[in-house]
Amino acid sequence: MRGGLEESRRLGYAIVIVLGLPDYYPLFGFSSKAAKALECPYYDAGDAWMAHELIPRALDAVRGWVVYPPAFDGALLKGDLLRTPSIEFTISTIIHAKLVRDDQKT
């Protein structure tokens, strides 16, 4: 996990989002509070929807929704939880998801 976050920082990402285990990801700096302004595209994930700022204050004044690539369509339905933390899932989410600000909605 730490390696994935460091690689994300090296690649210039400002934030990382996850939909995962609320008892695991906070160990690496993720919080559901940080993700409150980011809409989860699948369902109301509660504390499983988390964000981590790689650049301090990167989420200040940011509101919008996260768009996952088509490969995720149907993969996460209401009630699904990741049963074990997966670096592959986290990395693919880091690389492929994007944030669309509310003012960019079409």
C-alpha atoms as a PDB file:
ATOM      1  CA  MET A   1       0.000   0.000   0.000  1.00  0.00           C
ATOM      2  CA  ARG A   2       2.732   2.447   0.929  1.00  0.00           C
ATOM      3  CA  GLY A   3       4.508   1.678  -2.345  1.00  0.00           C
ATOM      4  CA  GLY A   4       1.345   2.415  -4.320  1.00  0.00           C
ATOM      5  CA  LEU A   5       0.892   5.735  -2.547  1.00  0.00           C
ATOM      6  CA  GLU A   6       4.519   6.691  -3.150  1.00  0.00           C
ATOM      7  CA  GLU A   7       4.216   5.791  -6.845  1.00  0.00           C
ATOM      8  CA  SER A   8       1.027   7.852  -7.086  1.00  0.00           C
ATOM      9  CA  ARG A   9       2.832  10.805  -5.513  1.00  0.00           C
ATOM     10  CA  ARG A  10       5.742  10.352  -7.928  1.00  0.00           C
ATOM     11  CA  LEU A  11       3.315  10.333 -10.877  1.00  0.00           C
ATOM     12  CA  GLY A  12       1.882  13.647  -9.707  1.00  0.00           C
ATOM     13  CA  TYR A  13      -1.484  12.559  -8.329  1.00  0.00           C
ATOM     14  CA  ALA A  14      -2.944  14.940  -5.747  1.00  0.00           C
ATOM     15  CA  ILE A  15      -5.480  12.555  -4.184  1.00  0.00           C
ATOM     16  CA  VAL A  16      -6.171   8.839  -3.991  1.00  0.00           C
ATOM     17  CA  ILE A  17      -9.644   7.394  -3.491  1.00  0.00           C
ATOM     18  CA  VAL A  18     -10.658   3.924  -2.394  1.00  0.00           C
ATOM     19  CA  LEU A  19     -13.828   1.976  -1.862  1.00  0.00           C
ATOM     20  CA  GLY A  20     -12.676  -0.530   0.693  1.00  0.00           C
ATOM     21  CA  LEU A  21     -12.386  -1.758   4.233  1.00  0.00           C
ATOM     22  CA  PRO A  22     -12.906   1.079   6.753  1.00  0.00           C
ATOM     23  CA  ASP A  23     -10.704  -0.671   9.321  1.00  0.00           C
ATOM     24  CA  TYR A  24      -7.754  -1.080   6.928  1.00  0.00           C
ATOM     25  CA  TYR A  25      -7.252   1.984   4.736  1.00  0.00           C
ATOM     26  CA  PRO A  26      -7.168   4.577   7.563  1.00  0.00           C
ATOM     27  CA  LEU A  27      -3.897   2.918   8.615  1.00  0.00           C
ATOM     28  CA  PHE A  28      -2.435   4.574   5.497  1.00  0.00           C
ATOM     29  CA  GLY A  29      -4.012   8.012   5.903  1.00  0.00           C
ATOM     30  CA  PHE A  30      -7.378   7.492   4.196  1.00  0.00           C
ATOM     31  CA  SER A  31     -10.547   8.864   5.736  1.00  0.00           C
ATOM     32  CA  SER A  32     -14.222   8.878   4.887  1.00  0.00           C
ATOM     33  CA  LYS A  33     -14.380  12.496   6.051  1.00  0.00           C
ATOM     34  CA  ALA A  34     -11.903  13.500   3.319  1.00  0.00           C
ATOM     35  CA  ALA A  35     -14.139  11.889   0.681  1.00  0.00           C
ATOM     36  CA  LYS A  36     -17.422  13.538   1.756  1.00  0.00           C
ATOM     37  CA  ALA A  37     -17.399  16.009  -1.170  1.00  0.00           C
ATOM     38  CA  LEU A  38     -16.712  13.228  -3.704  1.00  0.00           C
ATOM     39  CA  GLU A  39     -19.729  11.313  -4.923  1.00  0.00           C
ATOM     40  CA  CYS A  40     -19.329   7.541  -5.129  1.00  0.00           C
ATOM     41  CA  PRO A  41     -20.709   6.332  -8.481  1.00  0.00           C
ATOM     42  CA  TYR A  42     -21.992   2.988  -7.238  1.00  0.00           C
ATOM     43  CA  TYR A  43     -24.038   3.497  -4.071  1.00  0.00           C
ATOM     44  CA  ASP A  44     -23.907   5.183  -0.706  1.00  0.00           C
ATOM     45  CA  ALA A  45     -20.788   3.454   0.545  1.00  0.00           C
ATOM     46  CA  GLY A  46     -20.656   5.153   3.934  1.00  0.00           C
ATOM     47  CA  ASP A  47     -17.301   4.791   5.674  1.00  0.00           C
ATOM     48  CA  ALA A  48     -15.997   2.462   2.937  1.00  0.00           C
ATOM     49  CA  TRP A  49     -15.677   5.485   0.585  1.00  0.00           C
ATOM     50  CA  MET A  50     -12.387   7.187   1.501  1.00  0.00           C
ATOM     51  CA  ALA A  51      -9.830   9.631   0.177  1.00  0.00           C
ATOM     52  CA  HIS A  52      -6.239  10.496   0.989  1.00  0.00           C
ATOM     53  CA  GLU A  53      -4.541  13.768   0.036  1.00  0.00           C
ATOM     54  CA  LEU A  54      -1.055  13.253  -1.375  1.00  0.00           C
ATOM     55  CA  ILE A  55      -0.717  17.032  -1.639  1.00  0.00           C
ATOM     56  CA  PRO A  56      -1.891  18.867   1.485  1.00  0.00           C
ATOM     57  CA  ARG A  57      -5.241  20.645   1.044  1.00  0.00           C
ATOM     58  CA  ALA A  58      -5.753  19.118  -2.427  1.00  0.00           C
ATOM     59  CA  LEU A  59      -9.416  18.504  -1.607  1.00  0.00           C
ATOM     60  CA  ASP A  60     -10.106  22.012  -0.312  1.00  0.00           C
ATOM     61  CA  ALA A  61     -13.090  23.466  -2.172  1.00  0.00           C
ATOM     62  CA  VAL A  62     -13.381  20.356  -4.384  1.00  0.00           C
ATOM     63  CA  ARG A  63     -16.834  18.924  -5.019  1.00  0.00           C
ATOM     64  CA  GLY A  64     -17.705  16.418  -7.683  1.00  0.00           C
ATOM     65  CA  TRP A  65     -18.091  12.786  -8.527  1.00  0.00           C
ATOM     66  CA  VAL A  66     -15.630  10.049  -9.348  1.00  0.00           C
ATOM     67  CA  VAL A  67     -15.839   8.357 -12.739  1.00  0.00           C
ATOM     68  CA  TYR A  68     -14.486   4.828 -12.980  1.00  0.00           C
ATOM     69  CA  PRO A  69     -13.521   3.188 -16.296  1.00  0.00           C
ATOM     70  CA  PRO A  70     -16.090   0.899 -17.996  1.00  0.00           C
ATOM     71  CA  ALA A  71     -14.289  -2.207 -16.698  1.00  0.00           C
ATOM     72  CA  PHE A  72     -15.746  -1.444 -13.262  1.00  0.00           C
ATOM     73  CA  ASP A  73     -19.359  -1.306 -14.521  1.00  0.00           C
ATOM     74  CA  GLY A  74     -21.370  -3.898 -12.634  1.00  0.00           C
ATOM     75  CA  ALA A  75     -18.362  -4.902 -10.545  1.00  0.00           C
ATOM     76  CA  LEU A  76     -19.462  -3.077  -7.408  1.00  0.00           C
ATOM     77  CA  LEU A  77     -23.122  -3.254  -6.540  1.00  0.00           C
ATOM     78  CA  LYS A  78     -24.960  -2.252  -3.402  1.00  0.00           C
ATOM     79  CA  GLY A  79     -23.929  -4.536  -0.579  1.00  0.00           C
ATOM     80  CA  ASP A  80     -20.616  -5.557  -2.139  1.00  0.00           C
ATOM     81  CA  LEU A  81     -17.614  -5.029   0.094  1.00  0.00           C
ATOM     82  CA  LEU A  82     -14.032  -5.826  -0.642  1.00  0.00           C
ATOM     83  CA  ARG A  83     -13.399  -8.731   1.652  1.00  0.00           C
ATOM     84  CA  THR A  84      -9.612  -8.419   1.616  1.00  0.00           C
ATOM     85  CA  PRO A  85      -7.494  -5.371   0.869  1.00  0.00           C
ATOM     86  CA  SER A  86      -6.155  -5.574  -2.665  1.00  0.00           C
ATOM     87  CA  ILE A  87      -3.207  -3.552  -3.889  1.00  0.00           C
ATOM     88  CA  GLU A  88      -4.210  -4.402  -7.476  1.00  0.00           C
ATOM     89  CA  PHE A  89      -7.687  -2.928  -6.952  1.00  0.00           C
ATOM     90  CA  THR A  90      -6.236   0.133  -5.256  1.00  0.00           C
ATOM     91  CA  ILE A  91      -3.631   0.757  -7.949  1.00  0.00           C
ATOM     92  CA  SER A  92      -6.110   0.327 -10.807  1.00  0.00           C
ATOM     93  CA  THR A  93      -8.459   2.736  -9.055  1.00  0.00           C
ATOM     94  CA  ILE A  94      -5.652   5.233  -8.553  1.00  0.00           C
ATOM     95  CA  ILE A  95      -4.618   5.102 -12.178  1.00  0.00           C
ATOM     96  CA  HIS A  96      -7.990   4.912 -13.897  1.00  0.00           C
ATOM     97  CA  ALA A  97     -10.511   6.841 -11.848  1.00  0.00           C
ATOM     98  CA  LYS A  98     -10.876  10.550 -12.391  1.00  0.00           C
ATOM     99  CA  LEU A  99     -12.563  13.339 -10.534  1.00  0.00           C
ATOM    100  CA  VAL A 100     -15.119  15.424 -12.383  1.00  0.00           C
ATOM    101  CA  ARG A 101     -15.888  18.698 -10.657  1.00  0.00           C
ATOM    102  CA  ASP A 102     -19.509  19.752 -10.307  1.00  0.00           C
ATOM    103  CA  ASP A 103     -18.911  22.702 -12.634  1.00  0.00           C
ATOM    104  CA  GLN A 104     -17.683  20.312 -15.358  1.00  0.00           C
ATOM    105  CA  LYS A 105     -20.811  18.128 -15.391  1.00  0.00           C
ATOM    106  CA  THR A 106     -22.363  17.737 -18.825  1.00  0.00           C
END
